[in-house]
C-alpha atoms as a PDB file:
ATOM      1  CA  UNK A   1       2.582   2.653  19.863  1.00  0.00           C
ATOM      2  CA  UNK A   2       1.358   1.279  16.545  1.00  0.00           C
ATOM      3  CA  UNK A   3       3.854   2.060  13.843  1.00  0.00           C
ATOM      4  CA  UNK A   4       3.768   1.561  10.099  1.00  0.00           C
ATOM      5  CA  UNK A   5       6.996   2.231   8.224  1.00  0.00           C
ATOM      6  CA  UNK A   6       6.864   2.380   4.446  1.00  0.00           C
ATOM      7  CA  UNK A   7       9.663   2.165   1.930  1.00  0.00           C
ATOM      8  CA  UNK A   8      10.287   1.468  -1.730  1.00  0.00           C
ATOM      9  CA  UNK A   9       9.005   4.590  -3.409  1.00  0.00           C
ATOM     10  CA  UNK A  10      10.987   6.393  -6.040  1.00  0.00           C
ATOM     11  CA  UNK A  11      11.140   7.745  -9.555  1.00  0.00           C
ATOM     12  CA  UNK A  12      10.514   5.444 -12.503  1.00  0.00           C
ATOM     13  CA  UNK A  13       9.686   5.823 -16.161  1.00  0.00           C
ATOM     14  CA  UNK A  14       6.373   4.887 -17.694  1.00  0.00           C
ATOM     15  CA  UNK A  15       6.143   1.111 -17.882  1.00  0.00           C
ATOM     16  CA  UNK A  16       8.516   0.551 -15.000  1.00  0.00           C
ATOM     17  CA  UNK A  17       7.992  -1.271 -11.724  1.00  0.00           C
ATOM     18  CA  UNK A  18       8.333  -0.619  -8.018  1.00  0.00           C
ATOM     19  CA  UNK A  19       7.696  -2.672  -4.910  1.00  0.00           C
ATOM     20  CA  UNK A  20       6.521  -0.877  -1.804  1.00  0.00           C
ATOM     21  CA  UNK A  21       6.922  -2.365   1.662  1.00  0.00           C
ATOM     22  CA  UNK A  22       5.194  -1.555   4.935  1.00  0.00           C
ATOM     23  CA  UNK A  23       6.511  -2.975   8.197  1.00  0.00           C
ATOM     24  CA  UNK A  24       4.015  -2.970  11.063  1.00  0.00           C
ATOM     25  CA  UNK A  25       4.750  -3.019  14.777  1.00  0.00           C
ATOM     26  CA  UNK A  26       2.772  -2.428  17.953  1.00  0.00           C
ATOM     27  CA  UNK A  27      -0.295  -4.420  16.971  1.00  0.00           C
ATOM     28  CA  UNK A  28      -1.215  -7.922  15.901  1.00  0.00           C
ATOM     29  CA  UNK A  29      -0.334  -7.891  12.224  1.00  0.00           C
ATOM     30  CA  UNK A  30      -1.607 -11.398  11.618  1.00  0.00           C
ATOM     31  CA  UNK A  31      -5.135 -10.357  12.592  1.00  0.00           C
ATOM     32  CA  UNK A  32      -5.126  -7.007  10.830  1.00  0.00           C
ATOM     33  CA  UNK A  33      -6.639  -6.159   7.493  1.00  0.00           C
ATOM     34  CA  UNK A  34      -4.106  -4.206   5.458  1.00  0.00           C
ATOM     35  CA  UNK A  35      -4.464  -1.743   2.631  1.00  0.00           C
ATOM     36  CA  UNK A  36      -2.773   0.762   0.407  1.00  0.00           C
ATOM     37  CA  UNK A  37      -4.103   4.214  -0.413  1.00  0.00           C
ATOM     38  CA  UNK A  38      -2.679   6.973  -2.554  1.00  0.00           C
ATOM     39  CA  UNK A  39      -3.052  10.710  -2.875  1.00  0.00           C
ATOM     40  CA  UNK A  40      -2.052  12.607  -5.985  1.00  0.00           C
ATOM     41  CA  UNK A  41      -1.513  16.379  -5.991  1.00  0.00           C
ATOM     42  CA  UNK A  42      -4.835  18.202  -5.945  1.00  0.00           C
ATOM     43  CA  UNK A  43      -6.853  15.018  -5.515  1.00  0.00           C
ATOM     44  CA  UNK A  44      -8.503  13.197  -2.642  1.00  0.00           C
ATOM     45  CA  UNK A  45      -6.863  10.216  -1.079  1.00  0.00           C
ATOM     46  CA  UNK A  46      -8.179   7.096  -2.761  1.00  0.00           C
ATOM     47  CA  UNK A  47      -8.230   3.477  -1.787  1.00  0.00           C
ATOM     48  CA  UNK A  48      -6.047   1.340  -4.034  1.00  0.00           C
ATOM     49  CA  UNK A  49      -6.014  -2.196  -2.691  1.00  0.00           C
ATOM     50  CA  UNK A  50      -6.539  -4.282   0.428  1.00  0.00           C
ATOM     51  CA  UNK A  51      -5.712  -7.693   1.780  1.00  0.00           C
ATOM     52  CA  UNK A  52      -7.612  -9.173   4.684  1.00  0.00           C
ATOM     53  CA  UNK A  53      -6.194 -11.152   7.555  1.00  0.00           C
ATOM     54  CA  UNK A  54      -7.472 -14.205   5.691  1.00  0.00           C
ATOM     55  CA  UNK A  55      -5.618 -13.310   2.503  1.00  0.00           C
ATOM     56  CA  UNK A  56      -8.485 -12.071   0.340  1.00  0.00           C
ATOM     57  CA  UNK A  57      -7.551  -9.190  -1.968  1.00  0.00           C
ATOM     58  CA  UNK A  58      -9.333  -6.447  -3.850  1.00  0.00           C
ATOM     59  CA  UNK A  59      -8.241  -3.585  -6.123  1.00  0.00           C
ATOM     60  CA  UNK A  60      -9.503  -0.346  -7.513  1.00  0.00           C
ATOM     61  CA  UNK A  61     -10.331  -0.822 -11.187  1.00  0.00           C
ATOM     62  CA  UNK A  62      -7.550   1.430 -12.448  1.00  0.00           C
ATOM     63  CA  UNK A  63      -4.787  -0.816 -11.072  1.00  0.00           C
ATOM     64  CA  UNK A  64      -6.248  -4.262 -11.684  1.00  0.00           C
ATOM     65  CA  UNK A  65      -3.824  -6.417 -13.600  1.00  0.00           C
ATOM     66  CA  UNK A  66      -0.907  -4.130 -12.800  1.00  0.00           C
ATOM     67  CA  UNK A  67      -0.662  -4.012  -8.989  1.00  0.00           C
ATOM     68  CA  UNK A  68      -0.458  -6.907  -6.553  1.00  0.00           C
ATOM     69  CA  UNK A  69      -0.832  -6.709  -2.788  1.00  0.00           C
ATOM     70  CA  UNK A  70       0.656  -9.427  -0.613  1.00  0.00           C
ATOM     71  CA  UNK A  71       1.637 -10.006   2.988  1.00  0.00           C
ATOM     72  CA  UNK A  72       4.247 -11.906   4.941  1.00  0.00           C
ATOM     73  CA  UNK A  73       2.950 -12.496   8.441  1.00  0.00           C
ATOM     74  CA  UNK A  74       6.314 -13.800   9.648  1.00  0.00           C
ATOM     75  CA  UNK A  75       7.825 -10.411   8.803  1.00  0.00           C
ATOM     76  CA  UNK A  76       4.822  -8.253   9.786  1.00  0.00           C
ATOM     77  CA  UNK A  77       5.050  -6.765   6.315  1.00  0.00           C
ATOM     78  CA  UNK A  78       2.630  -5.930   3.544  1.00  0.00           C
ATOM     79  CA  UNK A  79       3.844  -5.317  -0.002  1.00  0.00           C
ATOM     80  CA  UNK A  80       2.557  -3.566  -3.075  1.00  0.00           C
ATOM     81  CA  UNK A  81       4.088  -4.734  -6.331  1.00  0.00           C
ATOM     82  CA  UNK A  82       3.419  -2.123  -9.009  1.00  0.00           C
ATOM     83  CA  UNK A  83       4.040  -2.998 -12.641  1.00  0.00           C
ATOM     84  CA  UNK A  84       3.371  -1.178 -15.902  1.00  0.00           C
ATOM     85  CA  UNK A  85       3.380   2.122 -14.078  1.00  0.00           C
ATOM     86  CA  UNK A  86       1.714   5.128 -15.646  1.00  0.00           C
ATOM     87  CA  UNK A  87       2.111   8.845 -14.954  1.00  0.00           C
ATOM     88  CA  UNK A  88      -1.353   8.847 -13.399  1.00  0.00           C
ATOM     89  CA  UNK A  89      -0.023   6.482 -10.724  1.00  0.00           C
ATOM     90  CA  UNK A  90       2.117   9.324  -9.405  1.00  0.00           C
ATOM     91  CA  UNK A  91       1.103   9.907  -5.794  1.00  0.00           C
ATOM     92  CA  UNK A  92       2.079   9.519  -2.194  1.00  0.00           C
ATOM     93  CA  UNK A  93       1.252   5.944  -1.247  1.00  0.00           C
ATOM     94  CA  UNK A  94       0.082   5.210   2.290  1.00  0.00           C
ATOM     95  CA  UNK A  95      -0.067   1.931   4.151  1.00  0.00           C
ATOM     96  CA  UNK A  96      -3.108   1.288   6.334  1.00  0.00           C
ATOM     97  CA  UNK A  97      -3.751  -1.244   9.089  1.00  0.00           C
ATOM     98  CA  UNK A  98      -7.056  -2.141  10.699  1.00  0.00           C
ATOM     99  CA  UNK A  99      -6.868  -4.739  13.474  1.00  0.00           C
ATOM    100  CA  UNK A 100      -9.854  -7.028  13.155  1.00  0.00           C
ATOM    101  CA  UNK A 101     -10.800  -6.692  16.834  1.00  0.00           C
ATOM    102  CA  UNK A 102     -10.165  -2.947  17.094  1.00  0.00           C
ATOM    103  CA  UNK A 103     -12.118   0.206  16.317  1.00  0.00           C
ATOM    104  CA  UNK A 104      -8.880   1.937  15.326  1.00  0.00           C
ATOM    105  CA  UNK A 105      -7.163   2.302  11.991  1.00  0.00           C
ATOM    106  CA  UNK A 106      -3.526   3.249  11.532  1.00  0.00           C
ATOM    107  CA  UNK A 107      -1.547   4.948   8.788  1.00  0.00           C
ATOM    108  CA  UNK A 108       2.017   4.974   7.612  1.00  0.00           C
ATOM    109  CA  UNK A 109       3.942   8.123   6.814  1.00  0.00           C
ATOM    110  CA  UNK A 110       3.616   7.697   3.071  1.00  0.00           C
ATOM    111  CA  UNK A 111       6.157   7.105   0.347  1.00  0.00           C
ATOM    112  CA  UNK A 112       6.393   9.071  -2.881  1.00  0.00           C
ATOM    113  CA  UNK A 113       5.966   7.315  -6.201  1.00  0.00           C
ATOM    114  CA  UNK A 114       6.702   9.388  -9.279  1.00  0.00           C
ATOM    115  CA  UNK A 115       6.239   8.045 -12.795  1.00  0.00           C
ATOM    116  CA  UNK A 116       7.747  10.139 -15.553  1.00  0.00           C
ATOM    117  CA  UNK A 117       6.252  10.270 -19.027  1.00  0.00           C
END
């Protein structure tokens, strides 16, 4: 029943920007911690950033200063603003939701981000 629908991926040149969106339904978004992960070809899925239900954020070192996670509780949506994109940012980006009062975690379908050099 929980559904995460991602959008906003695409092809950009080095230095460009994209904004990813993830719309959540079927669970209490307001009381869910949200995150973004990515998986590049031949590599493990890695955690990129997270925002708690209280609004605290954290980032993997490689994207600090370039990526910004935010949420709009009225729209049940989490965003990932990606600036100054590099080829090494190329990956499938996945949205993740973890309701605070649940043992479960949920994943979106992923959206492809490709940065050309």
